[in-house]
Protein backbone atom coordinates (compact mmCIF):
# COMPACT_ATOMS: atom_id res chain seq x y z
CA UNK A 1 0.00 0.00 0.00
CA UNK A 2 2.79 2.39 0.91
CA UNK A 3 4.60 1.67 -2.36
CA UNK A 4 1.37 2.49 -4.19
CA UNK A 5 1.52 5.96 -2.61
CA UNK A 6 -1.07 5.33 0.10
CA UNK A 7 -0.47 7.45 3.18
CA UNK A 8 0.30 5.96 6.58
CA UNK A 9 -2.98 7.12 8.10
CA UNK A 10 -4.93 5.78 5.13
CA UNK A 11 -3.20 2.43 5.64
CA UNK A 12 -4.14 2.68 9.32
CA UNK A 13 -7.81 3.18 8.45
CA UNK A 14 -7.80 0.31 5.92
CA UNK A 15 -5.98 -2.22 8.11
CA UNK A 16 -6.92 -1.00 11.60
CA UNK A 17 -3.21 -1.12 12.53
CA UNK A 18 -1.74 2.03 14.10
CA UNK A 19 0.22 4.16 11.64
CA UNK A 20 3.37 4.19 13.78
CA UNK A 21 3.41 0.38 13.70
CA UNK A 22 3.15 0.49 9.91
CA UNK A 23 5.94 3.07 9.82
CA UNK A 24 8.19 0.79 11.91
CA UNK A 25 7.47 -2.16 9.61
CA UNK A 26 8.38 -0.06 6.57
CA UNK A 27 11.60 1.09 8.26
CA UNK A 28 12.56 -2.50 9.19
CA UNK A 29 11.94 -3.65 5.62
CA UNK A 30 13.99 -0.77 4.20
CA UNK A 31 16.97 -1.59 6.42
CA UNK A 32 17.09 -5.17 5.10
CA UNK A 33 17.22 -4.11 1.42
CA UNK A 34 20.59 -4.33 -0.32
CA UNK A 35 22.31 -1.15 -1.41
CA UNK A 36 21.63 0.08 -4.94
CA UNK A 37 24.16 -1.19 -7.51
CA UNK A 38 26.83 1.16 -8.77
CA UNK A 39 26.35 2.66 -12.21
CA UNK A 40 29.00 0.32 -13.67
CA UNK A 41 27.03 -2.73 -12.48
CA UNK A 42 23.74 -1.80 -14.11
CA UNK A 43 23.34 -3.71 -17.39
PDB file of N, CA and C in Angstrom:
ATOM      1  N   UNK A   1       0.820  -1.185   0.000  1.00  0.00           N
ATOM      2  CA  UNK A   1       0.000   0.000   0.000  1.00  0.00           C
ATOM      3  C   UNK A   1       0.867   1.253   0.000  1.00  0.00           C
ATOM      4  N   UNK A   2       1.909   1.232   0.825  1.00  0.00           N
ATOM      5  CA  UNK A   2       2.793   2.393   0.907  1.00  0.00           C
ATOM      6  C   UNK A   2       3.499   2.621  -0.418  1.00  0.00           C
ATOM      7  N   UNK A   3       3.915   1.542  -1.070  1.00  0.00           N
ATOM      8  CA  UNK A   3       4.597   1.673  -2.357  1.00  0.00           C
ATOM      9  C   UNK A   3       3.658   2.169  -3.445  1.00  0.00           C
ATOM     10  N   UNK A   4       2.370   1.980  -3.248  1.00  0.00           N
ATOM     11  CA  UNK A   4       1.372   2.486  -4.190  1.00  0.00           C
ATOM     12  C   UNK A   4       0.887   3.870  -3.789  1.00  0.00           C
ATOM     13  N   UNK A   5       1.720   4.571  -2.995  1.00  0.00           N
ATOM     14  CA  UNK A   5       1.521   5.962  -2.612  1.00  0.00           C
ATOM     15  C   UNK A   5       0.324   6.178  -1.700  1.00  0.00           C
ATOM     16  N   UNK A   6      -0.012   5.172  -0.895  1.00  0.00           N
ATOM     17  CA  UNK A   6      -1.071   5.327   0.095  1.00  0.00           C
ATOM     18  C   UNK A   6      -0.423   5.861   1.367  1.00  0.00           C
ATOM     19  N   UNK A   7      -1.023   6.842   1.983  1.00  0.00           N
ATOM     20  CA  UNK A   7      -0.471   7.448   3.180  1.00  0.00           C
ATOM     21  C   UNK A   7      -0.553   6.515   4.385  1.00  0.00           C
ATOM     22  N   UNK A   8       0.271   6.809   5.388  1.00  0.00           N
ATOM     23  CA  UNK A   8       0.301   5.958   6.580  1.00  0.00           C
ATOM     24  C   UNK A   8      -1.036   5.943   7.305  1.00  0.00           C
ATOM     25  N   UNK A   9      -1.682   7.075   7.422  1.00  0.00           N
ATOM     26  CA  UNK A   9      -2.976   7.117   8.105  1.00  0.00           C
ATOM     27  C   UNK A   9      -4.068   6.437   7.292  1.00  0.00           C
ATOM     28  N   UNK A  10      -3.974   6.495   5.975  1.00  0.00           N
ATOM     29  CA  UNK A  10      -4.932   5.782   5.135  1.00  0.00           C
ATOM     30  C   UNK A  10      -4.743   4.274   5.296  1.00  0.00           C
ATOM     31  N   UNK A  11      -3.482   3.840   5.386  1.00  0.00           N
ATOM     32  CA  UNK A  11      -3.200   2.429   5.643  1.00  0.00           C
ATOM     33  C   UNK A  11      -3.753   2.042   6.998  1.00  0.00           C
ATOM     34  N   UNK A  12      -3.608   2.933   7.985  1.00  0.00           N
ATOM     35  CA  UNK A  12      -4.145   2.677   9.322  1.00  0.00           C
ATOM     36  C   UNK A  12      -5.657   2.469   9.267  1.00  0.00           C
ATOM     37  N   UNK A  13      -6.352   3.312   8.541  1.00  0.00           N
ATOM     38  CA  UNK A  13      -7.807   3.175   8.447  1.00  0.00           C
ATOM     39  C   UNK A  13      -8.198   1.887   7.731  1.00  0.00           C
ATOM     40  N   UNK A  14      -7.464   1.496   6.703  1.00  0.00           N
ATOM     41  CA  UNK A  14      -7.804   0.310   5.922  1.00  0.00           C
ATOM     42  C   UNK A  14      -7.504  -0.990   6.673  1.00  0.00           C
ATOM     43  N   UNK A  15      -6.409  -0.991   7.451  1.00  0.00           N
ATOM     44  CA  UNK A  15      -5.976  -2.225   8.106  1.00  0.00           C
ATOM     45  C   UNK A  15      -6.298  -2.278   9.590  1.00  0.00           C
ATOM     46  N   UNK A  16      -6.674  -1.121  10.169  1.00  0.00           N
ATOM     47  CA  UNK A  16      -6.916  -1.003  11.605  1.00  0.00           C
ATOM     48  C   UNK A  16      -5.662  -1.314  12.424  1.00  0.00           C
ATOM     49  N   UNK A  17      -4.493  -0.999  11.849  1.00  0.00           N
ATOM     50  CA  UNK A  17      -3.207  -1.122  12.530  1.00  0.00           C
ATOM     51  C   UNK A  17      -2.650   0.285  12.652  1.00  0.00           C
ATOM     52  N   UNK A  18      -2.191   0.653  13.840  1.00  0.00           N
ATOM     53  CA  UNK A  18      -1.742   2.030  14.103  1.00  0.00           C
ATOM     54  C   UNK A  18      -0.654   2.429  13.117  1.00  0.00           C
ATOM     55  N   UNK A  19      -0.707   3.704  12.679  1.00  0.00           N
ATOM     56  CA  UNK A  19       0.216   4.163  11.639  1.00  0.00           C
ATOM     57  C   UNK A  19       1.679   4.129  12.072  1.00  0.00           C
ATOM     58  N   UNK A  20       1.972   4.274  13.359  1.00  0.00           N
ATOM     59  CA  UNK A  20       3.373   4.187  13.784  1.00  0.00           C
ATOM     60  C   UNK A  20       3.885   2.753  13.677  1.00  0.00           C
ATOM     61  N   UNK A  21       3.016   1.776  13.880  1.00  0.00           N
ATOM     62  CA  UNK A  21       3.413   0.378  13.701  1.00  0.00           C
ATOM     63  C   UNK A  21       3.737   0.122  12.236  1.00  0.00           C
ATOM     64  N   UNK A  22       2.900   0.632  11.347  1.00  0.00           N
ATOM     65  CA  UNK A  22       3.145   0.485   9.910  1.00  0.00           C
ATOM     66  C   UNK A  22       4.459   1.150   9.533  1.00  0.00           C
ATOM     67  N   UNK A  23       4.707   2.339  10.101  1.00  0.00           N
ATOM     68  CA  UNK A  23       5.937   3.069   9.824  1.00  0.00           C
ATOM     69  C   UNK A  23       7.157   2.252  10.272  1.00  0.00           C
ATOM     70  N   UNK A  24       7.075   1.619  11.434  1.00  0.00           N
ATOM     71  CA  UNK A  24       8.190   0.792  11.910  1.00  0.00           C
ATOM     72  C   UNK A  24       8.397  -0.411  10.999  1.00  0.00           C
ATOM     73  N   UNK A  25       7.338  -1.028  10.528  1.00  0.00           N
ATOM     74  CA  UNK A  25       7.470  -2.161   9.607  1.00  0.00           C
ATOM     75  C   UNK A  25       8.139  -1.733   8.312  1.00  0.00           C
ATOM     76  N   UNK A  26       7.770  -0.565   7.800  1.00  0.00           N
ATOM     77  CA  UNK A  26       8.380  -0.064   6.569  1.00  0.00           C
ATOM     78  C   UNK A  26       9.860   0.201   6.794  1.00  0.00           C
ATOM     79  N   UNK A  27      10.204   0.801   7.933  1.00  0.00           N
ATOM     80  CA  UNK A  27      11.599   1.085   8.260  1.00  0.00           C
ATOM     81  C   UNK A  27      12.409  -0.205   8.361  1.00  0.00           C
ATOM     82  N   UNK A  28      11.861  -1.217   9.045  1.00  0.00           N
ATOM     83  CA  UNK A  28      12.562  -2.499   9.189  1.00  0.00           C
ATOM     84  C   UNK A  28      12.774  -3.159   7.829  1.00  0.00           C
ATOM     85  N   UNK A  29      11.792  -3.068   6.949  1.00  0.00           N
ATOM     86  CA  UNK A  29      11.940  -3.654   5.615  1.00  0.00           C
ATOM     87  C   UNK A  29      12.987  -2.892   4.808  1.00  0.00           C
ATOM     88  N   UNK A  30      13.033  -1.579   4.940  1.00  0.00           N
ATOM     89  CA  UNK A  30      13.995  -0.766   4.199  1.00  0.00           C
ATOM     90  C   UNK A  30      15.424  -1.060   4.635  1.00  0.00           C
ATOM     91  N   UNK A  31      15.630  -1.324   5.907  1.00  0.00           N
ATOM     92  CA  UNK A  31      16.972  -1.594   6.422  1.00  0.00           C
ATOM     93  C   UNK A  31      17.510  -2.908   5.861  1.00  0.00           C
ATOM     94  N   UNK A  32      16.636  -3.872   5.581  1.00  0.00           N
ATOM     95  CA  UNK A  32      17.088  -5.174   5.098  1.00  0.00           C
ATOM     96  C   UNK A  32      17.371  -5.194   3.599  1.00  0.00           C
ATOM     97  N   UNK A  33      16.982  -4.138   2.869  1.00  0.00           N
ATOM     98  CA  UNK A  33      17.217  -4.112   1.425  1.00  0.00           C
ATOM     99  C   UNK A  33      18.706  -3.922   1.122  1.00  0.00           C
ATOM    100  N   UNK A  34      19.188  -4.543   0.060  1.00  0.00           N
ATOM    101  CA  UNK A  34      20.594  -4.326  -0.322  1.00  0.00           C
ATOM    102  C   UNK A  34      20.769  -2.916  -0.871  1.00  0.00           C
ATOM    103  N   UNK A  35      21.999  -2.458  -0.847  1.00  0.00           N
ATOM    104  CA  UNK A  35      22.307  -1.147  -1.414  1.00  0.00           C
ATOM    105  C   UNK A  35      22.087  -1.165  -2.920  1.00  0.00           C
ATOM    106  N   UNK A  36      21.814  -0.028  -3.490  1.00  0.00           N
ATOM    107  CA  UNK A  36      21.634   0.085  -4.935  1.00  0.00           C
ATOM    108  C   UNK A  36      22.952  -0.220  -5.635  1.00  0.00           C
ATOM    109  N   UNK A  37      22.908  -0.894  -6.786  1.00  0.00           N
ATOM    110  CA  UNK A  37      24.156  -1.186  -7.505  1.00  0.00           C
ATOM    111  C   UNK A  37      24.795   0.085  -8.038  1.00  0.00           C
ATOM    112  N   UNK A  38      26.108   0.032  -8.184  1.00  0.00           N
ATOM    113  CA  UNK A  38      26.834   1.157  -8.765  1.00  0.00           C
ATOM    114  C   UNK A  38      26.478   1.266 -10.236  1.00  0.00           C
ATOM    115  N   UNK A  39      26.704   2.401 -10.816  1.00  0.00           N
ATOM    116  CA  UNK A  39      26.346   2.659 -12.214  1.00  0.00           C
ATOM    117  C   UNK A  39      27.034   1.652 -13.132  1.00  0.00           C
ATOM    118  N   UNK A  40      28.274   1.258 -12.823  1.00  0.00           N
ATOM    119  CA  UNK A  40      29.000   0.320 -13.671  1.00  0.00           C
ATOM    120  C   UNK A  40      28.357  -1.061 -13.653  1.00  0.00           C
ATOM    121  N   UNK A  41      27.612  -1.397 -12.597  1.00  0.00           N
ATOM    122  CA  UNK A  41      27.032  -2.727 -12.481  1.00  0.00           C
ATOM    123  C   UNK A  41      25.685  -2.857 -13.158  1.00  0.00           C
ATOM    124  N   UNK A  42      25.057  -1.751 -13.498  1.00  0.00           N
ATOM    125  CA  UNK A  42      23.736  -1.796 -14.108  1.00  0.00           C
ATOM    126  C   UNK A  42      23.883  -2.200 -15.571  1.00  0.00           C
ATOM    127  N   UNK A  43      23.195  -3.255 -16.002  1.00  0.00           N
ATOM    128  CA  UNK A  43      23.343  -3.708 -17.392  1.00  0.00           C
ATOM    129  C   UNK A  43      22.741  -2.732 -18.383  1.00  0.00           C
TER     130      UNK A  43
END
